[in-house]
Amino acid sequence: MTPEPNIPGVSKEEALALLRYMADHSDHHAEELRETAPALGETAAAALGEAIALLQQSAAKIRQAIAETEA
């Protein structure tokens, strides 16, 4: 899927700021889940482990997009 070339009303700087926020927010949620996992059963903690990994991968991809945009 090809992204839209330009979103009307959103500057490149605003888009990058939003992406930075989203990456940091994903990291924050991953940390909250990590803190929550020990209070749950083993099966739930394993599922949360997968969710944490996906959040971290998502944040990394967002940061990659930022770096490619700034290059």
PDB file of N, CA and C in Angstrom:
ATOM      1  N   MET A   1       0.844  -1.168   0.000  1.00  0.00           N
ATOM      2  CA  MET A   1       0.000   0.000   0.000  1.00  0.00           C
ATOM      3  C   MET A   1       0.891   1.234   0.000  1.00  0.00           C
ATOM      4  N   THR A   2       0.617   2.154  -0.873  1.00  0.00           N
ATOM      5  CA  THR A   2       1.395   3.385  -1.000  1.00  0.00           C
ATOM      6  C   THR A   2       0.776   4.466  -0.119  1.00  0.00           C
ATOM      7  N   PRO A   3       1.604   5.132   0.720  1.00  0.00           N
ATOM      8  CA  PRO A   3       1.043   6.195   1.549  1.00  0.00           C
ATOM      9  C   PRO A   3       0.636   7.396   0.706  1.00  0.00           C
ATOM     10  N   GLU A   4      -0.275   8.167   1.226  1.00  0.00           N
ATOM     11  CA  GLU A   4      -0.696   9.393   0.546  1.00  0.00           C
ATOM     12  C   GLU A   4       0.502  10.328   0.455  1.00  0.00           C
ATOM     13  N   PRO A   5       0.722  10.989  -0.663  1.00  0.00           N
ATOM     14  CA  PRO A   5       1.890  11.836  -0.829  1.00  0.00           C
ATOM     15  C   PRO A   5       1.938  12.991   0.159  1.00  0.00           C
ATOM     16  N   ASN A   6       0.833  13.652   0.373  1.00  0.00           N
ATOM     17  CA  ASN A   6       0.761  14.773   1.310  1.00  0.00           C
ATOM     18  C   ASN A   6      -0.607  14.782   1.969  1.00  0.00           C
ATOM     19  N   ILE A   7      -0.607  14.993   3.253  1.00  0.00           N
ATOM     20  CA  ILE A   7      -1.865  15.114   3.965  1.00  0.00           C
ATOM     21  C   ILE A   7      -2.149  16.607   4.088  1.00  0.00           C
ATOM     22  N   PRO A   8      -3.253  17.080   3.529  1.00  0.00           N
ATOM     23  CA  PRO A   8      -3.551  18.512   3.589  1.00  0.00           C
ATOM     24  C   PRO A   8      -3.590  19.012   5.027  1.00  0.00           C
ATOM     25  N   GLY A   9      -2.933  20.136   5.260  1.00  0.00           N
ATOM     26  CA  GLY A   9      -2.985  20.757   6.573  1.00  0.00           C
ATOM     27  C   GLY A   9      -1.977  20.257   7.579  1.00  0.00           C
ATOM     28  N   VAL A  10      -1.168  19.259   7.213  1.00  0.00           N
ATOM     29  CA  VAL A  10      -0.168  18.725   8.131  1.00  0.00           C
ATOM     30  C   VAL A  10       1.208  18.927   7.512  1.00  0.00           C
ATOM     31  N   SER A  11       2.043  19.660   8.203  1.00  0.00           N
ATOM     32  CA  SER A  11       3.395  19.883   7.700  1.00  0.00           C
ATOM     33  C   SER A  11       4.271  18.669   7.997  1.00  0.00           C
ATOM     34  N   LYS A  12       5.385  18.602   7.322  1.00  0.00           N
ATOM     35  CA  LYS A  12       6.345  17.519   7.559  1.00  0.00           C
ATOM     36  C   LYS A  12       6.805  17.553   9.012  1.00  0.00           C
ATOM     37  N   GLU A  13       7.048  18.734   9.542  1.00  0.00           N
ATOM     38  CA  GLU A  13       7.510  18.872  10.927  1.00  0.00           C
ATOM     39  C   GLU A  13       6.444  18.377  11.911  1.00  0.00           C
ATOM     40  N   GLU A  14       5.179  18.700  11.625  1.00  0.00           N
ATOM     41  CA  GLU A  14       4.090  18.230  12.490  1.00  0.00           C
ATOM     42  C   GLU A  14       3.966  16.712  12.427  1.00  0.00           C
ATOM     43  N   ALA A  15       4.087  16.163  11.231  1.00  0.00           N
ATOM     44  CA  ALA A  15       4.003  14.711  11.071  1.00  0.00           C
ATOM     45  C   ALA A  15       5.135  14.023  11.818  1.00  0.00           C
ATOM     46  N   LEU A  16       6.345  14.561  11.712  1.00  0.00           N
ATOM     47  CA  LEU A  16       7.484  13.965  12.419  1.00  0.00           C
ATOM     48  C   LEU A  16       7.313  14.073  13.930  1.00  0.00           C
ATOM     49  N   ALA A  17       6.789  15.196  14.402  1.00  0.00           N
ATOM     50  CA  ALA A  17       6.549  15.358  15.836  1.00  0.00           C
ATOM     51  C   ALA A  17       5.532  14.336  16.328  1.00  0.00           C
ATOM     52  N   LEU A  18       4.476  14.123  15.540  1.00  0.00           N
ATOM     53  CA  LEU A  18       3.465  13.130  15.905  1.00  0.00           C
ATOM     54  C   LEU A  18       4.075  11.732  15.923  1.00  0.00           C
ATOM     55  N   LEU A  19       4.894  11.418  14.945  1.00  0.00           N
ATOM     56  CA  LEU A  19       5.535  10.096  14.907  1.00  0.00           C
ATOM     57  C   LEU A  19       6.451   9.889  16.109  1.00  0.00           C
ATOM     58  N   ARG A  20       7.197  10.920  16.483  1.00  0.00           N
ATOM     59  CA  ARG A  20       8.064  10.807  17.669  1.00  0.00           C
ATOM     60  C   ARG A  20       7.226  10.541  18.918  1.00  0.00           C
ATOM     61  N   TYR A  21       6.143  11.270  19.044  1.00  0.00           N
ATOM     62  CA  TYR A  21       5.232  11.070  20.174  1.00  0.00           C
ATOM     63  C   TYR A  21       4.700   9.639  20.185  1.00  0.00           C
ATOM     64  N   MET A  22       4.280   9.149  19.024  1.00  0.00           N
ATOM     65  CA  MET A  22       3.713   7.807  18.946  1.00  0.00           C
ATOM     66  C   MET A  22       4.739   6.742  19.319  1.00  0.00           C
ATOM     67  N   ALA A  23       5.970   6.904  18.869  1.00  0.00           N
ATOM     68  CA  ALA A  23       7.019   5.936  19.212  1.00  0.00           C
ATOM     69  C   ALA A  23       7.283   5.942  20.716  1.00  0.00           C
ATOM     70  N   ASP A  24       7.393   7.135  21.292  1.00  0.00           N
ATOM     71  CA  ASP A  24       7.621   7.235  22.739  1.00  0.00           C
ATOM     72  C   ASP A  24       6.444   6.663  23.517  1.00  0.00           C
ATOM     73  N   HIS A  25       5.243   6.913  23.033  1.00  0.00           N
ATOM     74  CA  HIS A  25       4.037   6.419  23.698  1.00  0.00           C
ATOM     75  C   HIS A  25       3.990   4.890  23.637  1.00  0.00           C
ATOM     76  N   SER A  26       4.378   4.311  22.516  1.00  0.00           N
ATOM     77  CA  SER A  26       4.429   2.848  22.408  1.00  0.00           C
ATOM     78  C   SER A  26       5.426   2.278  23.409  1.00  0.00           C
ATOM     79  N   ASP A  27       6.589   2.921  23.530  1.00  0.00           N
ATOM     80  CA  ASP A  27       7.582   2.484  24.523  1.00  0.00           C
ATOM     81  C   ASP A  27       7.007   2.551  25.935  1.00  0.00           C
ATOM     82  N   HIS A  28       6.292   3.627  26.215  1.00  0.00           N
ATOM     83  CA  HIS A  28       5.687   3.812  27.534  1.00  0.00           C
ATOM     84  C   HIS A  28       4.683   2.695  27.824  1.00  0.00           C
ATOM     85  N   HIS A  29       3.830   2.381  26.861  1.00  0.00           N
ATOM     86  CA  HIS A  29       2.848   1.316  27.060  1.00  0.00           C
ATOM     87  C   HIS A  29       3.525  -0.042  27.212  1.00  0.00           C
ATOM     88  N   ALA A  30       4.575  -0.268  26.472  1.00  0.00           N
ATOM     89  CA  ALA A  30       5.309  -1.535  26.617  1.00  0.00           C
ATOM     90  C   ALA A  30       5.851  -1.665  28.039  1.00  0.00           C
ATOM     91  N   GLU A  31       6.375  -0.593  28.581  1.00  0.00           N
ATOM     92  CA  GLU A  31       6.905  -0.627  29.950  1.00  0.00           C
ATOM     93  C   GLU A  31       5.783  -0.867  30.966  1.00  0.00           C
ATOM     94  N   GLU A  32       4.641  -0.240  30.764  1.00  0.00           N
ATOM     95  CA  GLU A  32       3.501  -0.469  31.658  1.00  0.00           C
ATOM     96  C   GLU A  32       3.055  -1.928  31.612  1.00  0.00           C
ATOM     97  N   LEU A  33       3.013  -2.508  30.430  1.00  0.00           N
ATOM     98  CA  LEU A  33       2.644  -3.920  30.318  1.00  0.00           C
ATOM     99  C   LEU A  33       3.673  -4.806  31.001  1.00  0.00           C
ATOM    100  N   ARG A  34       4.939  -4.472  30.846  1.00  0.00           N
ATOM    101  CA  ARG A  34       6.013  -5.245  31.480  1.00  0.00           C
ATOM    102  C   ARG A  34       5.840  -5.236  33.003  1.00  0.00           C
ATOM    103  N   GLU A  35       5.452  -4.097  33.551  1.00  0.00           N
ATOM    104  CA  GLU A  35       5.243  -3.986  34.992  1.00  0.00           C
ATOM    105  C   GLU A  35       4.004  -4.748  35.447  1.00  0.00           C
ATOM    106  N   THR A  36       3.019  -4.870  34.574  1.00  0.00           N
ATOM    107  CA  THR A  36       1.757  -5.535  34.894  1.00  0.00           C
ATOM    108  C   THR A  36       1.870  -7.056  34.821  1.00  0.00           C
ATOM    109  N   ALA A  37       2.686  -7.546  33.933  1.00  0.00           N
ATOM    110  CA  ALA A  37       2.749  -8.985  33.641  1.00  0.00           C
ATOM    111  C   ALA A  37       2.945  -9.877  34.869  1.00  0.00           C
ATOM    112  N   PRO A  38       3.842  -9.533  35.802  1.00  0.00           N
ATOM    113  CA  PRO A  38       4.049 -10.450  36.932  1.00  0.00           C
ATOM    114  C   PRO A  38       2.806 -10.689  37.795  1.00  0.00           C
ATOM    115  N   ALA A  39       1.856  -9.779  37.787  1.00  0.00           N
ATOM    116  CA  ALA A  39       0.652  -9.933  38.607  1.00  0.00           C
ATOM    117  C   ALA A  39      -0.353 -10.899  37.984  1.00  0.00           C
ATOM    118  N   LEU A  40      -0.109 -11.326  36.769  1.00  0.00           N
ATOM    119  CA  LEU A  40      -1.051 -12.178  36.050  1.00  0.00           C
ATOM    120  C   LEU A  40      -0.554 -13.610  36.018  1.00  0.00           C
ATOM    121  N   GLY A  41      -1.395 -14.479  35.545  1.00  0.00           N
ATOM    122  CA  GLY A  41      -0.989 -15.868  35.398  1.00  0.00           C
ATOM    123  C   GLY A  41       0.033 -16.035  34.291  1.00  0.00           C
ATOM    124  N   GLU A  42       0.600 -17.210  34.238  1.00  0.00           N
ATOM    125  CA  GLU A  42       1.666 -17.502  33.274  1.00  0.00           C
ATOM    126  C   GLU A  42       1.200 -17.346  31.818  1.00  0.00           C
ATOM    127  N   THR A  43      -0.003 -17.797  31.521  1.00  0.00           N
ATOM    128  CA  THR A  43      -0.518 -17.706  30.153  1.00  0.00           C
ATOM    129  C   THR A  43      -0.746 -16.254  29.755  1.00  0.00           C
ATOM    130  N   ALA A  44      -1.330 -15.479  30.647  1.00  0.00           N
ATOM    131  CA  ALA A  44      -1.567 -14.061  30.359  1.00  0.00           C
ATOM    132  C   ALA A  44      -0.240 -13.314  30.242  1.00  0.00           C
ATOM    133  N   ALA A  45       0.709 -13.642  31.104  1.00  0.00           N
ATOM    134  CA  ALA A  45       2.011 -12.980  31.051  1.00  0.00           C
ATOM    135  C   ALA A  45       2.714 -13.283  29.723  1.00  0.00           C
ATOM    136  N   ALA A  46       2.553 -14.496  29.224  1.00  0.00           N
ATOM    137  CA  ALA A  46       3.145 -14.851  27.933  1.00  0.00           C
ATOM    138  C   ALA A  46       2.505 -14.044  26.807  1.00  0.00           C
ATOM    139  N   ALA A  47       1.190 -13.899  26.859  1.00  0.00           N
ATOM    140  CA  ALA A  47       0.500 -13.098  25.853  1.00  0.00           C
ATOM    141  C   ALA A  47       0.951 -11.643  25.925  1.00  0.00           C
ATOM    142  N   LEU A  48       1.110 -11.126  27.129  1.00  0.00           N
ATOM    143  CA  LEU A  48       1.597  -9.764  27.279  1.00  0.00           C
ATOM    144  C   LEU A  48       3.028  -9.631  26.763  1.00  0.00           C
ATOM    145  N   GLY A  49       3.813 -10.665  26.940  1.00  0.00           N
ATOM    146  CA  GLY A  49       5.175 -10.649  26.405  1.00  0.00           C
ATOM    147  C   GLY A  49       5.165 -10.462  24.897  1.00  0.00           C
ATOM    148  N   GLU A  50       4.235 -11.132  24.235  1.00  0.00           N
ATOM    149  CA  GLU A  50       4.097 -10.967  22.781  1.00  0.00           C
ATOM    150  C   GLU A  50       3.639  -9.546  22.441  1.00  0.00           C
ATOM    151  N   ALA A  51       2.700  -9.019  23.206  1.00  0.00           N
ATOM    152  CA  ALA A  51       2.215  -7.659  22.969  1.00  0.00           C
ATOM    153  C   ALA A  51       3.334  -6.642  23.172  1.00  0.00           C
ATOM    154  N   ILE A  52       4.142  -6.854  24.185  1.00  0.00           N
ATOM    155  CA  ILE A  52       5.278  -5.962  24.445  1.00  0.00           C
ATOM    156  C   ILE A  52       6.239  -5.971  23.268  1.00  0.00           C
ATOM    157  N   ALA A  53       6.539  -7.152  22.770  1.00  0.00           N
ATOM    158  CA  ALA A  53       7.447  -7.266  21.621  1.00  0.00           C
ATOM    159  C   ALA A  53       6.883  -6.538  20.400  1.00  0.00           C
ATOM    160  N   LEU A  54       5.581  -6.667  20.171  1.00  0.00           N
ATOM    161  CA  LEU A  54       4.962  -5.992  19.035  1.00  0.00           C
ATOM    162  C   LEU A  54       4.988  -4.473  19.196  1.00  0.00           C
ATOM    163  N   LEU A  55       4.749  -3.987  20.395  1.00  0.00           N
ATOM    164  CA  LEU A  55       4.835  -2.541  20.643  1.00  0.00           C
ATOM    165  C   LEU A  55       6.247  -2.039  20.396  1.00  0.00           C
ATOM    166  N   GLN A  56       7.229  -2.801  20.841  1.00  0.00           N
ATOM    167  CA  GLN A  56       8.625  -2.403  20.632  1.00  0.00           C
ATOM    168  C   GLN A  56       8.981  -2.416  19.150  1.00  0.00           C
ATOM    169  N   GLN A  57       8.495  -3.406  18.424  1.00  0.00           N
ATOM    170  CA  GLN A  57       8.741  -3.465  16.977  1.00  0.00           C
ATOM    171  C   GLN A  57       8.074  -2.291  16.283  1.00  0.00           C
ATOM    172  N   SER A  58       6.870  -1.959  16.715  1.00  0.00           N
ATOM    173  CA  SER A  58       6.142  -0.834  16.137  1.00  0.00           C
ATOM    174  C   SER A  58       6.909   0.468  16.357  1.00  0.00           C
ATOM    175  N   ALA A  59       7.379   0.692  17.570  1.00  0.00           N
ATOM    176  CA  ALA A  59       8.140   1.905  17.874  1.00  0.00           C
ATOM    177  C   ALA A  59       9.413   1.963  17.038  1.00  0.00           C
ATOM    178  N   ALA A  60      10.064   0.822  16.859  1.00  0.00           N
ATOM    179  CA  ALA A  60      11.288   0.785  16.050  1.00  0.00           C
ATOM    180  C   ALA A  60      10.988   1.130  14.592  1.00  0.00           C
ATOM    181  N   LYS A  61       9.885   0.620  14.060  1.00  0.00           N
ATOM    182  CA  LYS A  61       9.510   0.925  12.670  1.00  0.00           C
ATOM    183  C   LYS A  61       9.158   2.404  12.511  1.00  0.00           C
ATOM    184  N   ILE A  62       8.484   2.965  13.498  1.00  0.00           N
ATOM    185  CA  ILE A  62       8.161   4.389  13.444  1.00  0.00           C
ATOM    186  C   ILE A  62       9.451   5.205  13.444  1.00  0.00           C
ATOM    187  N   ARG A  63      10.390   4.832  14.302  1.00  0.00           N
ATOM    188  CA  ARG A  63      11.665   5.549  14.351  1.00  0.00           C
ATOM    189  C   ARG A  63      12.449   5.382  13.042  1.00  0.00           C
ATOM    190  N   GLN A  64      12.323   4.232  12.411  1.00  0.00           N
ATOM    191  CA  GLN A  64      12.954   4.018  11.114  1.00  0.00           C
ATOM    192  C   GLN A  64      12.346   4.962  10.081  1.00  0.00           C
ATOM    193  N   ALA A  65      11.034   5.100  10.093  1.00  0.00           N
ATOM    194  CA  ALA A  65      10.355   6.011   9.168  1.00  0.00           C
ATOM    195  C   ALA A  65      10.814   7.462   9.400  1.00  0.00           C
ATOM    196  N   ILE A  66      10.968   7.825  10.669  1.00  0.00           N
ATOM    197  CA  ILE A  66      11.456   9.163  10.995  1.00  0.00           C
ATOM    198  C   ILE A  66      12.850   9.367  10.422  1.00  0.00           C
ATOM    199  N   ALA A  67      13.730   8.408  10.662  1.00  0.00           N
ATOM    200  CA  ALA A  67      15.113   8.527  10.188  1.00  0.00           C
ATOM    201  C   ALA A  67      15.169   8.611   8.672  1.00  0.00           C
ATOM    202  N   GLU A  68      14.360   7.822   7.987  1.00  0.00           N
ATOM    203  CA  GLU A  68      14.349   7.841   6.526  1.00  0.00           C
ATOM    204  C   GLU A  68      13.801   9.160   6.004  1.00  0.00           C
ATOM    205  N   THR A  69      12.863   9.745   6.717  1.00  0.00           N
ATOM    206  CA  THR A  69      12.299  11.034   6.313  1.00  0.00           C
ATOM    207  C   THR A  69      13.316  12.154   6.510  1.00  0.00           C
ATOM    208  N   GLU A  70      14.083  12.063   7.583  1.00  0.00           N
ATOM    209  CA  GLU A  70      15.062  13.109   7.895  1.00  0.00           C
ATOM    210  C   GLU A  70      16.348  12.985   7.082  1.00  0.00           C
ATOM    211  N   ALA A  71      16.560  11.829   6.453  1.00  0.00           N
ATOM    212  CA  ALA A  71      17.816  11.603   5.711  1.00  0.00           C
ATOM    213  C   ALA A  71      17.880  12.453   4.449  1.00  0.00           C
TER     214      ALA A  71
END
